[in-house]
Amino acid sequence: MSDPRQGQAGEPLAQPPTEPGIALHMAVVLLVTASGAVEAISFTALDHVFAGVMTSNIALLGMAIGRGQATGVTAAVLALTGFGVGAAVTAWLTRRREGVATHWSPPVMFCLAGEVVVLAVGAGIWAAVGGEPGQGARDALQFGAAATMGIQSAAMVAAGRAAAPTTYLTGTLATYIVKGVGAGSPDRWAPARLAALVVGAAASMALLRAAPEWAGVLPVVLAVCAVVAAGLPLVRMRRSSVG
């Protein structure tokens, strides 16, 4: 009787993958780069709050209240609200969808596509005002930027083991130190994600200085590349099922 784990020629069948492939790791790195670019615009060119780091925004809100600074309070509240709305909508769209290690589910991909749309709208507004938005436009852009980071954060949570944090990397750094230095089993992609945050912020700042009206395009391009990379495993799965 033949072994069910062997093919017709008696060779072992290939085991299905149980870890994210390079395409998904690259997609995460690209999303981190995009978040770095968004954070640079949010903090330096809007009202000095972060689009995706809500812990810092809560502290900034307290500081603004203590100073009696109405603009700072408004900016922090807009960022917190935008992030919450983006995360809540994504949580609703991805509910009851269990993440798997080999690919991101269609609802997760749909939400990331929605992030691209919101980023593109923001980039259009940013370009239309020449990179110098008035207060009303800054408020709208702040809310939208935070919403995109809320979408991205919640999508990565929904993706489960196939993803990693992309907007707030303090935990990534701590885990890398503890498991790398302390346990000798570092995540080899963690340094790439940390470096990507620096690269995204640096590139965004360079654009803000050289061509401020085009700074909003960078996060859009990076997010599109991330979605394309993340879609490759789904394309391969469909081709293999058809074949």
Protein backbone atom coordinates (compact mmCIF):
# COMPACT_ATOMS: atom_id res chain seq x y z
CA MET A 1 0.00 0.00 0.00
CA SER A 2 1.49 3.35 -1.01
CA ASP A 3 2.25 6.04 1.49
CA PRO A 4 -0.38 8.86 1.15
CA ARG A 5 2.42 11.37 1.75
CA GLN A 6 4.14 10.21 -1.48
CA GLY A 7 3.34 11.01 -5.08
CA GLN A 8 2.74 8.53 -7.88
CA ALA A 9 6.48 8.23 -8.48
CA GLY A 10 7.09 7.40 -4.83
CA GLU A 11 8.53 10.82 -4.07
CA PRO A 12 7.30 12.79 -1.03
CA LEU A 13 4.68 15.39 -1.80
CA ALA A 14 5.71 19.01 -1.19
CA GLN A 15 4.45 20.27 2.14
CA PRO A 16 2.26 23.39 1.99
CA PRO A 17 4.02 26.55 3.20
CA THR A 18 3.43 27.48 6.84
CA GLU A 19 5.30 30.80 6.96
CA PRO A 20 4.90 34.06 5.04
CA GLY A 21 6.85 34.16 1.81
CA ILE A 22 9.24 36.87 0.69
CA ALA A 23 6.46 38.73 -1.15
CA LEU A 24 4.48 39.25 2.06
CA HIS A 25 7.57 40.29 4.00
CA MET A 26 8.34 42.83 1.29
CA ALA A 27 4.75 44.06 1.36
CA VAL A 28 5.07 44.70 5.10
CA VAL A 29 8.37 46.55 4.60
CA LEU A 30 6.76 48.71 1.90
CA LEU A 31 3.83 49.53 4.18
CA VAL A 32 6.24 50.53 6.93
CA THR A 33 8.03 52.80 4.46
CA ALA A 34 4.70 54.34 3.50
CA SER A 35 3.81 54.92 7.14
CA GLY A 36 7.17 56.63 7.70
CA ALA A 37 6.41 58.95 4.78
CA VAL A 38 2.94 59.73 6.11
CA GLU A 39 4.27 60.39 9.62
CA ALA A 40 6.83 62.87 8.30
CA ILE A 41 4.14 64.86 6.50
CA SER A 42 1.72 64.63 9.41
CA PHE A 43 4.15 65.79 12.08
CA THR A 44 6.14 68.42 10.20
CA ALA A 45 3.71 69.83 7.64
CA LEU A 46 0.33 69.56 9.38
CA ASP A 47 -0.10 70.32 13.10
CA HIS A 48 2.69 68.38 14.83
CA VAL A 49 0.81 65.20 15.67
CA PHE A 50 1.39 61.69 14.40
CA ALA A 51 -0.85 59.88 11.94
CA GLY A 52 -0.26 56.39 13.32
CA VAL A 53 1.35 56.60 16.77
CA MET A 54 -1.65 57.08 19.02
CA THR A 55 0.25 56.66 22.28
CA SER A 56 2.27 59.75 21.45
CA ASN A 57 -0.86 61.59 20.34
CA ILE A 58 -2.55 60.93 23.66
CA ALA A 59 0.50 62.43 25.39
CA LEU A 60 0.48 65.37 22.96
CA LEU A 61 -3.21 65.89 23.70
CA GLY A 62 -2.46 66.11 27.40
CA MET A 63 0.38 68.54 26.74
CA ALA A 64 -1.85 70.72 24.56
CA ILE A 65 -4.56 70.76 27.23
CA GLY A 66 -2.00 71.71 29.86
CA ARG A 67 -0.73 74.57 27.71
CA GLY A 68 -4.21 75.72 26.77
CA GLN A 69 -3.28 75.27 23.11
CA ALA A 70 -6.53 74.88 21.16
CA THR A 71 -4.83 74.05 17.84
CA GLY A 72 -2.86 71.22 19.44
CA VAL A 73 -5.97 69.81 21.09
CA THR A 74 -7.87 69.89 17.80
CA ALA A 75 -5.05 68.20 15.87
CA ALA A 76 -4.63 65.43 18.43
CA VAL A 77 -8.38 64.78 18.60
CA LEU A 78 -8.62 64.69 14.80
CA ALA A 79 -5.73 62.21 14.60
CA LEU A 80 -7.17 59.98 17.33
CA THR A 81 -10.64 60.10 15.75
CA GLY A 82 -9.38 59.43 12.24
CA PHE A 83 -7.29 56.50 13.37
CA GLY A 84 -10.22 55.08 15.33
CA VAL A 85 -12.61 55.40 12.38
CA GLY A 86 -10.16 53.76 9.98
CA ALA A 87 -9.44 50.90 12.38
CA ALA A 88 -13.12 50.37 13.23
CA VAL A 89 -14.23 50.22 9.58
CA THR A 90 -11.43 47.77 8.78
CA ALA A 91 -12.30 45.64 11.81
CA TRP A 92 -15.90 45.47 10.61
CA LEU A 93 -14.95 44.55 7.05
CA THR A 94 -12.51 41.83 8.18
CA ARG A 95 -14.62 40.40 11.02
CA ARG A 96 -14.88 36.63 11.32
CA ARG A 97 -11.96 36.24 8.89
CA GLU A 98 -9.18 34.18 10.43
CA GLY A 99 -5.73 35.15 9.21
CA VAL A 100 -3.47 32.52 7.66
CA ALA A 101 0.31 32.49 7.39
CA THR A 102 0.66 32.25 3.62
CA HIS A 103 -1.44 35.13 2.25
CA TRP A 104 -3.62 38.08 3.14
CA SER A 105 -7.34 37.51 2.79
CA PRO A 106 -9.40 39.37 0.15
CA PRO A 107 -11.06 41.59 2.82
CA VAL A 108 -7.61 42.64 4.06
CA MET A 109 -6.54 43.40 0.50
CA PHE A 110 -9.77 45.34 -0.07
CA CYS A 111 -9.09 47.49 3.00
CA LEU A 112 -5.53 48.19 1.90
CA ALA A 113 -6.87 49.20 -1.52
CA GLY A 114 -9.18 51.58 0.33
CA GLU A 115 -6.15 53.00 2.11
CA VAL A 116 -4.55 53.67 -1.27
CA VAL A 117 -7.67 55.54 -2.40
CA VAL A 118 -7.71 57.75 0.70
CA LEU A 119 -3.98 58.43 0.35
CA ALA A 120 -4.49 59.35 -3.31
CA VAL A 121 -7.29 61.78 -2.44
CA GLY A 122 -5.05 63.36 0.19
CA ALA A 123 -2.18 63.61 -2.29
CA GLY A 124 -4.51 65.33 -4.76
CA ILE A 125 -5.62 67.88 -2.16
CA TRP A 126 -2.01 68.41 -1.09
CA ALA A 127 -0.90 69.04 -4.68
CA ALA A 128 -3.84 71.33 -5.38
CA VAL A 129 -2.84 73.66 -2.54
CA GLY A 130 0.83 73.54 -3.53
CA GLY A 131 1.89 71.76 -0.37
CA GLU A 132 0.74 74.70 1.77
CA PRO A 133 -2.74 73.85 3.07
CA GLY A 134 -4.78 76.28 5.13
CA GLN A 135 -6.21 75.35 8.50
CA GLY A 136 -9.35 73.71 7.14
CA ALA A 137 -7.39 71.64 4.63
CA ARG A 138 -4.85 70.69 7.32
CA ASP A 139 -7.64 69.42 9.54
CA ALA A 140 -9.11 67.32 6.73
CA LEU A 141 -5.69 65.98 5.75
CA GLN A 142 -4.83 65.18 9.36
CA PHE A 143 -8.03 63.18 9.79
CA GLY A 144 -7.48 61.39 6.49
CA ALA A 145 -3.83 60.57 7.18
CA ALA A 146 -4.72 59.11 10.56
CA ALA A 147 -7.59 57.15 9.00
CA THR A 148 -5.18 55.52 6.52
CA MET A 149 -2.88 54.49 9.36
CA GLY A 150 -5.87 53.10 11.27
CA ILE A 151 -6.85 51.07 8.20
CA GLN A 152 -3.30 49.80 7.81
CA SER A 153 -2.88 48.90 11.48
CA ALA A 154 -6.18 47.04 11.69
CA ALA A 155 -5.53 45.25 8.39
CA MET A 156 -2.23 43.93 9.71
CA VAL A 157 -3.95 42.69 12.85
CA ALA A 158 -6.57 40.93 10.72
CA ALA A 159 -3.84 39.39 8.55
CA GLY A 160 -2.48 37.57 11.63
CA ARG A 161 0.78 35.65 11.32
CA ALA A 162 1.14 36.68 7.69
CA ALA A 163 1.83 40.30 8.69
CA ALA A 164 3.57 42.45 11.27
CA PRO A 165 3.07 45.91 12.81
CA THR A 166 3.66 48.68 10.27
CA THR A 167 2.74 51.94 11.99
CA TYR A 168 4.10 51.70 15.55
CA LEU A 169 7.38 49.81 15.88
CA THR A 170 8.35 50.21 19.54
CA GLY A 171 7.15 46.66 20.16
CA THR A 172 9.09 45.46 17.11
CA LEU A 173 12.29 47.01 18.46
CA ALA A 174 11.73 45.63 21.97
CA THR A 175 10.95 42.14 20.67
CA TYR A 176 14.01 42.19 18.44
CA ILE A 177 16.23 43.14 21.38
CA VAL A 178 14.70 40.60 23.76
CA LYS A 179 14.60 37.69 21.32
CA GLY A 180 17.77 38.62 19.50
CA VAL A 181 20.10 39.65 22.30
CA GLY A 182 18.35 37.80 25.09
CA ALA A 183 17.30 34.56 23.39
CA GLY A 184 19.44 34.39 20.25
CA SER A 185 16.48 34.04 17.86
CA PRO A 186 15.99 37.43 16.20
CA ASP A 187 13.46 38.17 13.50
CA ARG A 188 15.68 38.75 10.46
CA TRP A 189 13.05 41.04 8.89
CA ALA A 190 12.77 43.33 11.92
CA PRO A 191 15.85 45.42 11.01
CA ALA A 192 14.45 45.86 7.49
CA ARG A 193 11.16 47.17 8.92
CA LEU A 194 12.93 49.55 11.30
CA ALA A 195 15.17 50.82 8.50
CA ALA A 196 12.15 51.21 6.21
CA LEU A 197 10.55 53.61 8.68
CA VAL A 198 13.67 55.79 8.56
CA VAL A 199 13.86 55.62 4.77
CA GLY A 200 10.20 56.57 4.34
CA ALA A 201 10.46 59.54 6.69
CA ALA A 202 13.75 60.70 5.16
CA ALA A 203 12.46 60.46 1.59
CA SER A 204 9.29 62.31 2.55
CA MET A 205 11.26 65.11 4.19
CA ALA A 206 13.50 65.39 1.13
CA LEU A 207 10.42 65.77 -1.08
CA LEU A 208 8.89 68.31 1.28
CA ARG A 209 12.01 70.42 0.88
CA ALA A 210 12.60 69.94 -2.85
CA ALA A 211 9.06 69.66 -4.28
CA PRO A 212 6.52 70.08 -1.47
CA GLU A 213 3.49 69.79 -3.75
CA TRP A 214 4.52 66.24 -4.71
CA ALA A 215 5.24 64.93 -1.19
CA GLY A 216 1.84 63.27 -0.91
CA VAL A 217 2.51 61.06 -3.93
CA LEU A 218 5.25 59.03 -2.22
CA PRO A 219 2.99 57.21 0.29
CA VAL A 220 0.56 56.40 -2.51
CA VAL A 221 3.26 54.81 -4.66
CA LEU A 222 4.64 52.81 -1.74
CA ALA A 223 1.20 51.57 -0.68
CA VAL A 224 0.37 50.53 -4.25
CA CYS A 225 3.63 48.57 -4.45
CA ALA A 226 2.79 46.90 -1.14
CA VAL A 227 -0.65 45.84 -2.36
CA VAL A 228 0.86 44.46 -5.58
CA ALA A 229 3.47 42.48 -3.62
CA ALA A 230 0.85 41.14 -1.21
CA GLY A 231 -1.34 40.07 -4.11
CA LEU A 232 1.31 37.79 -5.62
CA PRO A 233 0.60 34.83 -3.27
CA LEU A 234 -3.11 35.03 -4.09
CA VAL A 235 -2.35 35.02 -7.82
CA ARG A 236 -0.11 31.98 -7.42
CA MET A 237 -2.79 30.17 -5.40
CA ARG A 238 -5.41 30.77 -8.06
CA ARG A 239 -3.10 29.64 -10.84
CA SER A 240 -2.20 26.46 -8.97
CA SER A 241 -5.86 25.69 -8.28
CA VAL A 242 -6.73 26.16 -11.96
CA GLY A 243 -3.77 24.01 -13.01
